[in-house]
Amino acid sequence: MHKLTLLAFLLLSVTTLAQTPIPRVGDSCPTGTYRSGDYCEPFKSSEDQVIIQRSGNDCPTGFYKSGNYCKRLANSGREALPREDGGKCPTGWYKSGQYCVKQEG
């Protein structure tokens, strides 16, 4: 019984991991986060929000602008990575501006 309780606790811990702090760009943090040293940390109510640093003027497909950052739309399960100019995206990902976005499916 003790092993079952421990296993349930570990599974719950893994499935509720919050987004890690993101490096702060300039003096402000995106909505849903607060300034913590040189980083922006999500409020407890925003822990499931995915935030990436904005590269250039636009955000990748499935994300919207929030200051110097891009926040994933609530109904989007997309993942995005910054892409260097002229860089190729990994297999299963496509170009979206200055990003690579993982194909859904």
Protein backbone atom coordinates (compact mmCIF):
# COMPACT_ATOMS: atom_id res chain seq x y z
CA MET A 1 0.00 0.00 0.00
CA HIS A 2 2.86 2.37 0.85
CA LYS A 3 4.46 1.78 -2.59
CA LEU A 4 1.14 2.53 -4.31
CA THR A 5 0.81 5.83 -2.42
CA LEU A 6 4.38 6.79 -3.34
CA LEU A 7 3.79 5.91 -7.00
CA ALA A 8 0.59 8.00 -7.09
CA PHE A 9 2.45 10.96 -5.52
CA LEU A 10 5.28 10.73 -8.07
CA LEU A 11 2.86 10.57 -11.01
CA LEU A 12 0.90 13.56 -9.70
CA SER A 13 4.15 15.51 -9.25
CA VAL A 14 5.26 14.84 -12.83
CA THR A 15 1.92 15.80 -14.38
CA THR A 16 1.67 19.10 -12.50
CA LEU A 17 5.12 20.50 -13.26
CA ALA A 18 5.00 24.27 -13.79
CA GLN A 19 6.81 26.18 -16.48
CA THR A 20 10.30 27.07 -15.36
CA PRO A 21 11.25 30.73 -15.00
CA ILE A 22 12.20 32.46 -18.26
CA PRO A 23 14.99 35.01 -18.69
CA ARG A 24 13.69 38.57 -18.32
CA VAL A 25 14.03 40.79 -21.41
CA GLY A 26 14.33 44.46 -20.45
CA ASP A 27 12.57 45.70 -17.32
CA SER A 28 9.21 44.00 -17.67
CA CYS A 29 7.73 40.52 -17.59
CA PRO A 30 4.77 39.21 -19.59
CA THR A 31 1.31 39.12 -18.05
CA GLY A 32 0.81 36.16 -15.75
CA THR A 33 4.38 36.34 -14.45
CA TYR A 34 6.34 38.39 -11.93
CA ARG A 35 9.90 39.67 -11.81
CA SER A 36 12.31 37.47 -9.84
CA GLY A 37 15.91 38.61 -10.17
CA ASP A 38 16.83 38.42 -13.87
CA TYR A 39 13.92 36.07 -14.57
CA CYS A 40 10.14 36.07 -14.90
CA GLU A 41 8.30 33.42 -12.89
CA PRO A 42 4.68 32.41 -13.49
CA PHE A 43 2.03 33.13 -10.85
CA LYS A 44 0.42 29.97 -9.48
CA SER A 45 -2.71 30.72 -11.51
CA SER A 46 -0.63 30.90 -14.74
CA GLU A 47 1.61 27.87 -14.26
CA ASP A 48 0.20 26.03 -17.27
CA GLN A 49 0.85 28.99 -19.61
CA VAL A 50 3.71 28.44 -22.10
CA ILE A 51 5.82 31.57 -22.66
CA ILE A 52 8.85 31.97 -24.93
CA GLN A 53 11.05 34.95 -25.75
CA ARG A 54 9.96 36.79 -28.88
CA SER A 55 12.40 36.64 -31.76
CA GLY A 56 11.85 39.56 -34.15
CA ASN A 57 8.48 41.28 -34.49
CA ASP A 58 6.19 38.27 -34.76
CA CYS A 59 5.28 35.17 -32.79
CA PRO A 60 5.04 31.66 -34.21
CA THR A 61 1.77 30.01 -35.22
CA GLY A 62 -0.32 29.25 -32.13
CA PHE A 63 1.24 32.07 -30.03
CA TYR A 64 0.47 35.77 -29.48
CA LYS A 65 2.59 38.80 -28.48
CA SER A 66 2.91 39.85 -24.86
CA GLY A 67 5.60 42.52 -24.60
CA ASN A 68 8.95 40.99 -25.55
CA TYR A 69 7.48 37.51 -25.27
CA CYS A 70 5.14 35.13 -27.06
CA LYS A 71 2.42 33.30 -25.11
CA ARG A 72 0.81 30.14 -26.38
CA LEU A 73 -2.91 30.42 -27.15
CA ALA A 74 -5.01 28.52 -24.60
CA ASN A 75 -6.48 26.21 -27.27
CA SER A 76 -3.12 25.49 -28.92
CA GLY A 77 -0.90 22.57 -28.02
CA ARG A 78 1.91 23.73 -30.28
CA GLU A 79 5.56 23.81 -29.34
CA ALA A 80 7.99 26.36 -30.79
CA LEU A 81 11.76 26.86 -30.90
CA PRO A 82 13.72 29.90 -32.03
CA ARG A 83 15.33 29.44 -35.46
CA GLU A 84 18.47 31.20 -36.65
CA ASP A 85 18.26 33.05 -39.97
CA GLY A 86 18.55 30.50 -42.75
CA GLY A 87 18.49 27.63 -40.25
CA LYS A 88 16.57 24.45 -40.96
CA CYS A 89 13.96 23.00 -38.65
CA PRO A 90 14.23 19.47 -37.24
CA THR A 91 12.22 16.65 -38.82
CA GLY A 92 8.56 16.95 -37.87
CA TRP A 93 8.79 20.74 -37.39
CA TYR A 94 8.03 23.56 -39.85
CA LYS A 95 9.16 27.17 -40.27
CA SER A 96 6.96 29.91 -38.85
CA GLY A 97 8.76 33.24 -39.10
CA GLN A 98 11.92 33.05 -37.00
CA TYR A 99 10.72 29.87 -35.26
CA CYS A 100 10.32 26.16 -35.81
CA VAL A 101 6.90 24.85 -34.80
CA LYS A 102 6.21 21.19 -34.10
CA GLN A 103 3.62 19.71 -36.42
CA GLU A 104 0.49 18.61 -34.61
CA GLY A 105 -0.74 15.11 -35.03
